[in-house]
Amino acid sequence: MRKMSRKWARISIALMTAGLLLAFAGVMAETYIPIVPGFALLLAAVVVKLTRLRCPYCTAFTTTPQWFGTGNKKCRKCKQLIYYDY
């Protein structure tokens, strides 16, 4: 059974959350200084998702990152169950 790394899923989720919070804080404070790093963090989250979180069976980009939990998801392309390493 092939497994996906939960470490990279957590990194992707953390980068996305930090990017959204920075961008939102910049918009709410009406200063555009935190918006650029916020979008850079969002871009980094997308890069991590596209390079490290691929289906271990068909290598499609259709996986959803999970922080924790036992609810294993199915790949939308090949319909195989995707298991995480821990």
PDB file of N, CA and C in Angstrom:
ATOM      1  N   MET A   1       0.848  -1.165   0.000  1.00  0.00           N
ATOM      2  CA  MET A   1       0.000   0.000   0.000  1.00  0.00           C
ATOM      3  C   MET A   1       0.903   1.241   0.000  1.00  0.00           C
ATOM      4  N   ARG A   2       0.666   2.116  -0.936  1.00  0.00           N
ATOM      5  CA  ARG A   2       1.418   3.356  -1.030  1.00  0.00           C
ATOM      6  C   ARG A   2       0.775   4.409  -0.135  1.00  0.00           C
ATOM      7  N   LYS A   3       1.616   5.230   0.485  1.00  0.00           N
ATOM      8  CA  LYS A   3       1.091   6.247   1.394  1.00  0.00           C
ATOM      9  C   LYS A   3       1.630   7.618   1.020  1.00  0.00           C
ATOM     10  N   MET A   4       0.826   8.635   1.332  1.00  0.00           N
ATOM     11  CA  MET A   4       1.216  10.011   1.104  1.00  0.00           C
ATOM     12  C   MET A   4       1.736  10.606   2.404  1.00  0.00           C
ATOM     13  N   SER A   5       2.623  11.572   2.319  1.00  0.00           N
ATOM     14  CA  SER A   5       3.245  12.164   3.492  1.00  0.00           C
ATOM     15  C   SER A   5       2.322  13.209   4.127  1.00  0.00           C
ATOM     16  N   ARG A   6       2.007  13.010   5.401  1.00  0.00           N
ATOM     17  CA  ARG A   6       1.179  13.983   6.112  1.00  0.00           C
ATOM     18  C   ARG A   6       1.988  15.234   6.444  1.00  0.00           C
ATOM     19  N   LYS A   7       3.319  15.096   6.506  1.00  0.00           N
ATOM     20  CA  LYS A   7       4.176  16.248   6.786  1.00  0.00           C
ATOM     21  C   LYS A   7       3.978  17.327   5.724  1.00  0.00           C
ATOM     22  N   TRP A   8       3.972  16.936   4.452  1.00  0.00           N
ATOM     23  CA  TRP A   8       3.807  17.920   3.381  1.00  0.00           C
ATOM     24  C   TRP A   8       2.385  18.459   3.343  1.00  0.00           C
ATOM     25  N   ALA A   9       1.420  17.652   3.734  1.00  0.00           N
ATOM     26  CA  ALA A   9       0.045  18.150   3.803  1.00  0.00           C
ATOM     27  C   ALA A   9      -0.072  19.235   4.870  1.00  0.00           C
ATOM     28  N   ARG A  10       0.567  19.020   6.012  1.00  0.00           N
ATOM     29  CA  ARG A  10       0.530  20.026   7.077  1.00  0.00           C
ATOM     30  C   ARG A  10       1.287  21.279   6.685  1.00  0.00           C
ATOM     31  N   ILE A  11       2.396  21.137   5.990  1.00  0.00           N
ATOM     32  CA  ILE A  11       3.131  22.313   5.528  1.00  0.00           C
ATOM     33  C   ILE A  11       2.282  23.115   4.559  1.00  0.00           C
ATOM     34  N   SER A  12       1.605  22.452   3.650  1.00  0.00           N
ATOM     35  CA  SER A  12       0.745  23.135   2.688  1.00  0.00           C
ATOM     36  C   SER A  12      -0.402  23.874   3.385  1.00  0.00           C
ATOM     37  N   ILE A  13      -1.032  23.226   4.355  1.00  0.00           N
ATOM     38  CA  ILE A  13      -2.137  23.854   5.078  1.00  0.00           C
ATOM     39  C   ILE A  13      -1.640  25.049   5.883  1.00  0.00           C
ATOM     40  N   ALA A  14      -0.481  24.915   6.534  1.00  0.00           N
ATOM     41  CA  ALA A  14       0.063  26.014   7.330  1.00  0.00           C
ATOM     42  C   ALA A  14       0.432  27.214   6.452  1.00  0.00           C
ATOM     43  N   LEU A  15       1.059  26.959   5.304  1.00  0.00           N
ATOM     44  CA  LEU A  15       1.401  28.052   4.400  1.00  0.00           C
ATOM     45  C   LEU A  15       0.157  28.756   3.870  1.00  0.00           C
ATOM     46  N   MET A  16      -0.861  27.983   3.541  1.00  0.00           N
ATOM     47  CA  MET A  16      -2.084  28.578   3.023  1.00  0.00           C
ATOM     48  C   MET A  16      -2.786  29.425   4.082  1.00  0.00           C
ATOM     49  N   THR A  17      -2.839  28.932   5.309  1.00  0.00           N
ATOM     50  CA  THR A  17      -3.476  29.669   6.393  1.00  0.00           C
ATOM     51  C   THR A  17      -2.722  30.959   6.692  1.00  0.00           C
ATOM     52  N   ALA A  18      -1.399  30.879   6.760  1.00  0.00           N
ATOM     53  CA  ALA A  18      -0.601  32.074   7.037  1.00  0.00           C
ATOM     54  C   ALA A  18      -0.739  33.097   5.914  1.00  0.00           C
ATOM     55  N   GLY A  19      -0.753  32.635   4.685  1.00  0.00           N
ATOM     56  CA  GLY A  19      -0.913  33.547   3.555  1.00  0.00           C
ATOM     57  C   GLY A  19      -2.266  34.241   3.554  1.00  0.00           C
ATOM     58  N   LEU A  20      -3.313  33.489   3.837  1.00  0.00           N
ATOM     59  CA  LEU A  20      -4.642  34.101   3.891  1.00  0.00           C
ATOM     60  C   LEU A  20      -4.763  35.100   5.032  1.00  0.00           C
ATOM     61  N   LEU A  21      -4.187  34.774   6.188  1.00  0.00           N
ATOM     62  CA  LEU A  21      -4.241  35.699   7.321  1.00  0.00           C
ATOM     63  C   LEU A  21      -3.459  36.973   7.045  1.00  0.00           C
ATOM     64  N   LEU A  22      -2.288  36.867   6.436  1.00  0.00           N
ATOM     65  CA  LEU A  22      -1.517  38.065   6.100  1.00  0.00           C
ATOM     66  C   LEU A  22      -2.237  38.934   5.079  1.00  0.00           C
ATOM     67  N   ALA A  23      -2.764  38.320   4.049  1.00  0.00           N
ATOM     68  CA  ALA A  23      -3.479  39.089   3.033  1.00  0.00           C
ATOM     69  C   ALA A  23      -4.724  39.740   3.618  1.00  0.00           C
ATOM     70  N   PHE A  24      -5.452  39.026   4.454  1.00  0.00           N
ATOM     71  CA  PHE A  24      -6.653  39.587   5.080  1.00  0.00           C
ATOM     72  C   PHE A  24      -6.295  40.731   6.025  1.00  0.00           C
ATOM     73  N   ALA A  25      -5.204  40.562   6.789  1.00  0.00           N
ATOM     74  CA  ALA A  25      -4.780  41.625   7.707  1.00  0.00           C
ATOM     75  C   ALA A  25      -4.379  42.873   6.934  1.00  0.00           C
ATOM     76  N   GLY A  26      -3.735  42.723   5.815  1.00  0.00           N
ATOM     77  CA  GLY A  26      -3.360  43.875   5.003  1.00  0.00           C
ATOM     78  C   GLY A  26      -4.552  44.596   4.425  1.00  0.00           C
ATOM     79  N   VAL A  27      -5.553  43.851   4.010  1.00  0.00           N
ATOM     80  CA  VAL A  27      -6.759  44.477   3.455  1.00  0.00           C
ATOM     81  C   VAL A  27      -7.542  45.199   4.545  1.00  0.00           C
ATOM     82  N   MET A  28      -7.644  44.576   5.712  1.00  0.00           N
ATOM     83  CA  MET A  28      -8.409  45.184   6.800  1.00  0.00           C
ATOM     84  C   MET A  28      -7.702  46.417   7.376  1.00  0.00           C
ATOM     85  N   ALA A  29      -6.390  46.432   7.382  1.00  0.00           N
ATOM     86  CA  ALA A  29      -5.637  47.563   7.928  1.00  0.00           C
ATOM     87  C   ALA A  29      -5.402  48.642   6.872  1.00  0.00           C
ATOM     88  N   GLU A  30      -5.816  48.398   5.648  1.00  0.00           N
ATOM     89  CA  GLU A  30      -5.655  49.302   4.516  1.00  0.00           C
ATOM     90  C   GLU A  30      -4.198  49.672   4.272  1.00  0.00           C
ATOM     91  N   THR A  31      -3.315  48.772   4.587  1.00  0.00           N
ATOM     92  CA  THR A  31      -1.910  48.904   4.227  1.00  0.00           C
ATOM     93  C   THR A  31      -1.555  47.686   3.384  1.00  0.00           C
ATOM     94  N   TYR A  32      -0.854  47.910   2.312  1.00  0.00           N
ATOM     95  CA  TYR A  32      -0.633  46.830   1.364  1.00  0.00           C
ATOM     96  C   TYR A  32       0.702  46.127   1.560  1.00  0.00           C
ATOM     97  N   ILE A  33       1.395  46.437   2.642  1.00  0.00           N
ATOM     98  CA  ILE A  33       2.688  45.795   2.893  1.00  0.00           C
ATOM     99  C   ILE A  33       2.528  44.299   3.173  1.00  0.00           C
ATOM    100  N   PRO A  34       1.568  43.835   4.007  1.00  0.00           N
ATOM    101  CA  PRO A  34       1.484  42.384   4.247  1.00  0.00           C
ATOM    102  C   PRO A  34       0.806  41.590   3.128  1.00  0.00           C
ATOM    103  N   ILE A  35       0.246  42.259   2.157  1.00  0.00           N
ATOM    104  CA  ILE A  35      -0.480  41.537   1.107  1.00  0.00           C
ATOM    105  C   ILE A  35       0.481  40.776   0.196  1.00  0.00           C
ATOM    106  N   VAL A  36       1.600  41.388  -0.148  1.00  0.00           N
ATOM    107  CA  VAL A  36       2.557  40.731  -1.051  1.00  0.00           C
ATOM    108  C   VAL A  36       3.150  39.468  -0.414  1.00  0.00           C
ATOM    109  N   PRO A  37       3.642  39.516   0.847  1.00  0.00           N
ATOM    110  CA  PRO A  37       4.099  38.251   1.443  1.00  0.00           C
ATOM    111  C   PRO A  37       2.972  37.238   1.624  1.00  0.00           C
ATOM    112  N   GLY A  38       1.755  37.717   1.846  1.00  0.00           N
ATOM    113  CA  GLY A  38       0.622  36.804   1.963  1.00  0.00           C
ATOM    114  C   GLY A  38       0.387  36.032   0.678  1.00  0.00           C
ATOM    115  N   PHE A  39       0.441  36.732  -0.452  1.00  0.00           N
ATOM    116  CA  PHE A  39       0.265  36.046  -1.725  1.00  0.00           C
ATOM    117  C   PHE A  39       1.466  35.165  -2.054  1.00  0.00           C
ATOM    118  N   ALA A  40       2.656  35.541  -1.586  1.00  0.00           N
ATOM    119  CA  ALA A  40       3.832  34.685  -1.781  1.00  0.00           C
ATOM    120  C   ALA A  40       3.679  33.378  -0.999  1.00  0.00           C
ATOM    121  N   LEU A  41       3.127  33.458   0.216  1.00  0.00           N
ATOM    122  CA  LEU A  41       2.883  32.244   0.991  1.00  0.00           C
ATOM    123  C   LEU A  41       1.805  31.380   0.339  1.00  0.00           C
ATOM    124  N   LEU A  42       0.781  32.012  -0.220  1.00  0.00           N
ATOM    125  CA  LEU A  42      -0.243  31.246  -0.942  1.00  0.00           C
ATOM    126  C   LEU A  42       0.355  30.540  -2.158  1.00  0.00           C
ATOM    127  N   LEU A  43       1.228  31.227  -2.866  1.00  0.00           N
ATOM    128  CA  LEU A  43       1.890  30.612  -4.013  1.00  0.00           C
ATOM    129  C   LEU A  43       2.769  29.448  -3.573  1.00  0.00           C
ATOM    130  N   ALA A  44       3.465  29.602  -2.442  1.00  0.00           N
ATOM    131  CA  ALA A  44       4.296  28.510  -1.918  1.00  0.00           C
ATOM    132  C   ALA A  44       3.433  27.308  -1.537  1.00  0.00           C
ATOM    133  N   ALA A  45       2.242  27.561  -0.973  1.00  0.00           N
ATOM    134  CA  ALA A  45       1.341  26.462  -0.617  1.00  0.00           C
ATOM    135  C   ALA A  45       0.883  25.712  -1.866  1.00  0.00           C
ATOM    136  N   VAL A  46       0.611  26.439  -2.927  1.00  0.00           N
ATOM    137  CA  VAL A  46       0.186  25.796  -4.174  1.00  0.00           C
ATOM    138  C   VAL A  46       1.337  24.980  -4.769  1.00  0.00           C
ATOM    139  N   VAL A  47       2.550  25.513  -4.707  1.00  0.00           N
ATOM    140  CA  VAL A  47       3.703  24.782  -5.235  1.00  0.00           C
ATOM    141  C   VAL A  47       3.931  23.492  -4.445  1.00  0.00           C
ATOM    142  N   VAL A  48       3.812  23.558  -3.115  1.00  0.00           N
ATOM    143  CA  VAL A  48       3.973  22.355  -2.290  1.00  0.00           C
ATOM    144  C   VAL A  48       2.896  21.335  -2.632  1.00  0.00           C
ATOM    145  N   LYS A  49       1.662  21.805  -2.799  1.00  0.00           N
ATOM    146  CA  LYS A  49       0.573  20.882  -3.116  1.00  0.00           C
ATOM    147  C   LYS A  49       0.782  20.217  -4.475  1.00  0.00           C
ATOM    148  N   LEU A  50       1.228  20.990  -5.450  1.00  0.00           N
ATOM    149  CA  LEU A  50       1.388  20.437  -6.789  1.00  0.00           C
ATOM    150  C   LEU A  50       2.621  19.550  -6.928  1.00  0.00           C
ATOM    151  N   THR A  51       3.631  19.756  -6.097  1.00  0.00           N
ATOM    152  CA  THR A  51       4.842  18.945  -6.246  1.00  0.00           C
ATOM    153  C   THR A  51       4.901  17.773  -5.276  1.00  0.00           C
ATOM    154  N   ARG A  52       4.355  17.907  -4.068  1.00  0.00           N
ATOM    155  CA  ARG A  52       4.510  16.874  -3.047  1.00  0.00           C
ATOM    156  C   ARG A  52       3.227  16.100  -2.749  1.00  0.00           C
ATOM    157  N   LEU A  53       2.074  16.659  -3.053  1.00  0.00           N
ATOM    158  CA  LEU A  53       0.811  16.004  -2.702  1.00  0.00           C
ATOM    159  C   LEU A  53       0.101  15.514  -3.959  1.00  0.00           C
ATOM    160  N   ARG A  54       0.658  14.473  -4.519  1.00  0.00           N
ATOM    161  CA  ARG A  54       0.069  13.873  -5.708  1.00  0.00           C
ATOM    162  C   ARG A  54      -0.403  12.480  -5.348  1.00  0.00           C
ATOM    163  N   CYS A  55      -1.366  11.993  -6.089  1.00  0.00           N
ATOM    164  CA  CYS A  55      -1.873  10.646  -5.859  1.00  0.00           C
ATOM    165  C   CYS A  55      -0.731   9.647  -6.024  1.00  0.00           C
ATOM    166  N   PRO A  56      -0.528   8.761  -5.049  1.00  0.00           N
ATOM    167  CA  PRO A  56       0.576   7.806  -5.178  1.00  0.00           C
ATOM    168  C   PRO A  56       0.337   6.729  -6.238  1.00  0.00           C
ATOM    169  N   TYR A  57      -0.859   6.625  -6.756  1.00  0.00           N
ATOM    170  CA  TYR A  57      -1.170   5.594  -7.751  1.00  0.00           C
ATOM    171  C   TYR A  57      -1.112   6.128  -9.180  1.00  0.00           C
ATOM    172  N   CYS A  58      -1.771   7.269  -9.423  1.00  0.00           N
ATOM    173  CA  CYS A  58      -1.834   7.782 -10.796  1.00  0.00           C
ATOM    174  C   CYS A  58      -1.106   9.119 -10.969  1.00  0.00           C
ATOM    175  N   THR A  59      -0.512   9.647  -9.919  1.00  0.00           N
ATOM    176  CA  THR A  59       0.219  10.919  -9.864  1.00  0.00           C
ATOM    177  C   THR A  59      -0.614  12.111 -10.326  1.00  0.00           C
ATOM    178  N   ALA A  60      -1.901  12.073 -10.070  1.00  0.00           N
ATOM    179  CA  ALA A  60      -2.766  13.203 -10.401  1.00  0.00           C
ATOM    180  C   ALA A  60      -2.686  14.253  -9.295  1.00  0.00           C
ATOM    181  N   PHE A  61      -3.040  15.488  -9.627  1.00  0.00           N
ATOM    182  CA  PHE A  61      -3.021  16.592  -8.673  1.00  0.00           C
ATOM    183  C   PHE A  61      -4.348  16.708  -7.915  1.00  0.00           C
ATOM    184  N   THR A  62      -5.086  15.646  -7.776  1.00  0.00           N
ATOM    185  CA  THR A  62      -6.454  15.722  -7.268  1.00  0.00           C
ATOM    186  C   THR A  62      -6.576  15.389  -5.793  1.00  0.00           C
ATOM    187  N   THR A  63      -5.506  15.460  -5.031  1.00  0.00           N
ATOM    188  CA  THR A  63      -5.575  15.111  -3.618  1.00  0.00           C
ATOM    189  C   THR A  63      -5.934  16.322  -2.770  1.00  0.00           C
ATOM    190  N   THR A  64      -6.519  16.062  -1.615  1.00  0.00           N
ATOM    191  CA  THR A  64      -6.871  17.098  -0.661  1.00  0.00           C
ATOM    192  C   THR A  64      -5.990  16.932   0.571  1.00  0.00           C
ATOM    193  N   PRO A  65      -5.244  17.979   0.967  1.00  0.00           N
ATOM    194  CA  PRO A  65      -4.398  17.822   2.153  1.00  0.00           C
ATOM    195  C   PRO A  65      -5.229  17.693   3.420  1.00  0.00           C
ATOM    196  N   GLN A  66      -4.814  16.806   4.309  1.00  0.00           N
ATOM    197  CA  GLN A  66      -5.489  16.596   5.590  1.00  0.00           C
ATOM    198  C   GLN A  66      -4.491  16.799   6.712  1.00  0.00           C
ATOM    199  N   TRP A  67      -4.886  17.566   7.736  1.00  0.00           N
ATOM    200  CA  TRP A  67      -4.002  17.787   8.873  1.00  0.00           C
ATOM    201  C   TRP A  67      -3.915  16.532   9.735  1.00  0.00           C
ATOM    202  N   PHE A  68      -5.067  15.974  10.088  1.00  0.00           N
ATOM    203  CA  PHE A  68      -5.118  14.730  10.854  1.00  0.00           C
ATOM    204  C   PHE A  68      -6.443  14.065  10.565  1.00  0.00           C
ATOM    205  N   GLY A  69      -6.636  12.902  11.127  1.00  0.00           N
ATOM    206  CA  GLY A  69      -7.889  12.195  10.934  1.00  0.00           C
ATOM    207  C   GLY A  69      -7.680  10.889  10.209  1.00  0.00           C
ATOM    208  N   THR A  70      -8.665  10.046  10.328  1.00  0.00           N
ATOM    209  CA  THR A  70      -8.580   8.752   9.675  1.00  0.00           C
ATOM    210  C   THR A  70      -9.462   8.688   8.439  1.00  0.00           C
ATOM    211  N   GLY A  71     -10.134   9.764   8.128  1.00  0.00           N
ATOM    212  CA  GLY A  71     -10.995   9.773   6.954  1.00  0.00           C
ATOM    213  C   GLY A  71     -10.172   9.791   5.679  1.00  0.00           C
ATOM    214  N   ASN A  72      -9.887   8.624   5.145  1.00  0.00           N
ATOM    215  CA  ASN A  72      -9.094   8.549   3.932  1.00  0.00           C
ATOM    216  C   ASN A  72      -9.957   8.944   2.741  1.00  0.00           C
ATOM    217  N   LYS A  73      -9.378   9.718   1.871  1.00  0.00           N
ATOM    218  CA  LYS A  73     -10.084  10.222   0.699  1.00  0.00           C
ATOM    219  C   LYS A  73      -9.766   9.353  -0.512  1.00  0.00           C
ATOM    220  N   LYS A  74     -10.614   9.457  -1.505  1.00  0.00           N
ATOM    221  CA  LYS A  74     -10.378   8.773  -2.764  1.00  0.00           C
ATOM    222  C   LYS A  74      -9.848   9.777  -3.779  1.00  0.00           C
ATOM    223  N   CYS A  75      -8.993   9.291  -4.640  1.00  0.00           N
ATOM    224  CA  CYS A  75      -8.520  10.109  -5.749  1.00  0.00           C
ATOM    225  C   CYS A  75      -9.687  10.319  -6.707  1.00  0.00           C
ATOM    226  N   ARG A  76      -9.839  11.538  -7.166  1.00  0.00           N
ATOM    227  CA  ARG A  76     -10.953  11.817  -8.075  1.00  0.00           C
ATOM    228  C   ARG A  76     -10.718  11.257  -9.470  1.00  0.00           C
ATOM    229  N   LYS A  77      -9.483  10.928  -9.790  1.00  0.00           N
ATOM    230  CA  LYS A  77      -9.192  10.421 -11.126  1.00  0.00           C
ATOM    231  C   LYS A  77      -9.217   8.897 -11.187  1.00  0.00           C
ATOM    232  N   CYS A  78      -8.458   8.240 -10.292  1.00  0.00           N
ATOM    233  CA  CYS A  78      -8.354   6.783 -10.385  1.00  0.00           C
ATOM    234  C   CYS A  78      -9.224   6.049  -9.363  1.00  0.00           C
ATOM    235  N   LYS A  79      -9.866   6.774  -8.456  1.00  0.00           N
ATOM    236  CA  LYS A  79     -10.808   6.223  -7.463  1.00  0.00           C
ATOM    237  C   LYS A  79     -10.149   5.286  -6.449  1.00  0.00           C
ATOM    238  N   GLN A  80      -8.834   5.375  -6.279  1.00  0.00           N
ATOM    239  CA  GLN A  80      -8.130   4.584  -5.278  1.00  0.00           C
ATOM    240  C   GLN A  80      -8.171   5.329  -3.938  1.00  0.00           C
ATOM    241  N   LEU A  81      -8.209   4.585  -2.843  1.00  0.00           N
ATOM    242  CA  LEU A  81      -8.127   5.216  -1.524  1.00  0.00           C
ATOM    243  C   LEU A  81      -6.714   5.722  -1.296  1.00  0.00           C
ATOM    244  N   ILE A  82      -6.604   6.931  -0.772  1.00  0.00           N
ATOM    245  CA  ILE A  82      -5.305   7.527  -0.485  1.00  0.00           C
ATOM    246  C   ILE A  82      -5.082   7.469   1.011  1.00  0.00           C
ATOM    247  N   TYR A  83      -4.030   6.793   1.419  1.00  0.00           N
ATOM    248  CA  TYR A  83      -3.683   6.660   2.841  1.00  0.00           C
ATOM    249  C   TYR A  83      -2.502   7.574   3.135  1.00  0.00           C
ATOM    250  N   TYR A  84      -2.530   8.161   4.345  1.00  0.00           N
ATOM    251  CA  TYR A  84      -1.413   8.969   4.798  1.00  0.00           C
ATOM    252  C   TYR A  84      -0.479   8.132   5.651  1.00  0.00           C
ATOM    253  N   ASP A  85       0.765   8.583   5.789  1.00  0.00           N
ATOM    254  CA  ASP A  85       1.780   7.768   6.448  1.00  0.00           C
ATOM    255  C   ASP A  85       1.554   7.622   7.953  1.00  0.00           C
ATOM    256  N   TYR A  86       0.934   8.542   8.638  1.00  0.00           N
ATOM    257  CA  TYR A  86       0.617   8.400  10.060  1.00  0.00           C
ATOM    258  C   TYR A  86      -0.542   9.240  10.424  1.00  0.00           C
TER     259      TYR A  86
END
